[in-house]
Structure formats: C-alpha cells, structure tokens
Amino acid sequence: MDKISDIYGRTADTTMSITPKKEPFLSLYLKNRSTIFRPNESIDTKMYFMKPKKTEYELKLCRVSLEGYSRFERVIAEGDKKYLDSVYDMLSSSEVSLCSKKSIAVLSGSSLYSSFDIRDFSPSKKLTPGFYVLAFANKDDVASLGSFVSPRVFSVVDSQVTMKVDASGKMSFLVTDLQTLKPLSGQNITLRKNISRTYTDEWNEKEQKYDTKYLPLSTTNFSTGIILGSTDALGYFTIKKDSLIDNEYSNPY
C-alpha cells in the first residue's frame, strides 16, 4: 500500500526508500553449535563477517582449566561488552595453556563466512581430551564493533561415566570408551563440589519478574576435589554413599 486515506478523504503517500545499513560484524560458531566433541571428530567452525577491515583474522585456541571454562561460560551467557577486557586478561592468564594461533582468510565474493576445522590448529590434526576456548587473538579486531564478540568454549572427551546408586546406598561408576564402548580401567573418579552459583535471582517488583545478576568473574565455582578411587579391570568403581557423610563432599549435587 503506497497511499492511505483518512475519513475526510485526505491522502498521504507512505512510499519510502529504505537502504539497509551494514554494520561491521564478526562472530564464531562451532559445528551445530555443539560444545562436546570426540578426539577424532571434525570440529567444523565458521567465522562470520560483515564489512571486514582485514583480509584475514588471527584466532587463538587454548586449553583451559575447569574454573576458567566456567568463567568463560558466564561471559558467553551474559554477552555483555563490559567483559571484553576480562576475556583477554583470561586468555593471557594461568587459566589457559598450550595456546596456538592460526590466521583465517576472509573469503571474497558473496560469502559471509569462512569455514575451517579447529583440529587444524594442532600439528597432529587432533585435539587431546580437555576443555578449550577459541577467540579472536587480537582484542583490537573486536573492540570497535557494536556488539560483544563472544569466545567459544568446548570440550573434547574420549570417555563417558555412568553412575548408579542402589537401595543399599552403594554408588557404582562405569567408565567406557566413547568410540568402542569398551570399559576403561585405571580411570580416576574425582568428586568436586560446586561451592557457588554463577548468578543470583532477584525479584523485580516493578516488572514482576526475576532479574539475573551474575557474580564477579573472580568468584570460585568449584572446590579442588578429591579422587575417590580408580576403576577396576572391568571399568567399575564402587563406594558406599555413607562414607561421604560428615564430609564436605557429602552433598556434591
């Protein structure tokens, strides 16, 4: 509809020319937005861009500690640009290790993204089990953008743990290989207690809803943990739940 009329017969032309404005943009997305991969599995990743200022961007991949992984997760969940400095501080801290860098070319033409496999960051084309973080290596590449460019965290796992508690209170752990599904012996079973939440919910009386407020990134999430024992030749480890009572790990969940 180009013209509209009121009850008095007056008309107005509603035709207008709209020119989309493309803002500079950068982002990283992992395969199917997954966060868990197997060691031999491809980790296909896309670097999206709009009006890029470079012909290639350097990315940084690091192994990250459990505590560091938790902190990066909080940054991603909140998605606030105020965390930009914190992200790059953590990428240079003791929370990360075995970092490597790789430049990804910006494809010309109509494509809005460049594809790559994160495994190419490793000379062996394989990532060992652990926690990882991927981000743009240079803060200046993302600092001037209008929105926060989140790092991406993921884990590489080669085993799975199944736990059962029977009526007598016996806890049984079975560790199996993800590829072969065969039991794994000699695997340490570590129990960690989540000692703090990453956020608090506060009731907003005016809007009649809960507001989520995140704790400072310096907040410790997990205790050091204790090794309960190791799996036997059949991949099992058992322990009586009562043995954890009167211990700081009596209620780990």
Foldseek 3Di string as FASTA:
>chain_A
DQWDADPVGDIDGPDDDDDDDWFWDWEKAWDVNAFEAAFPDWTKMKIFTTPAPDQKFKKKKWFFAPLLLVLLVLCVVVQAQVCLVVVLVSVPDPRTDPMFMDIFGDDDDPDRIGMDTPLVRDPVSTDDWGKMKMDGNDSVRQNPGPGRHGIDIHTHDQKDWDWDADPQQKIKIAIAGPVPRATDWFAWDWAKAQPDDQWDWDQDPVVRGTDIGGDDSPDGGIDPIDTPDIAHPRRMDMDGLVVCPPHPRNPRD
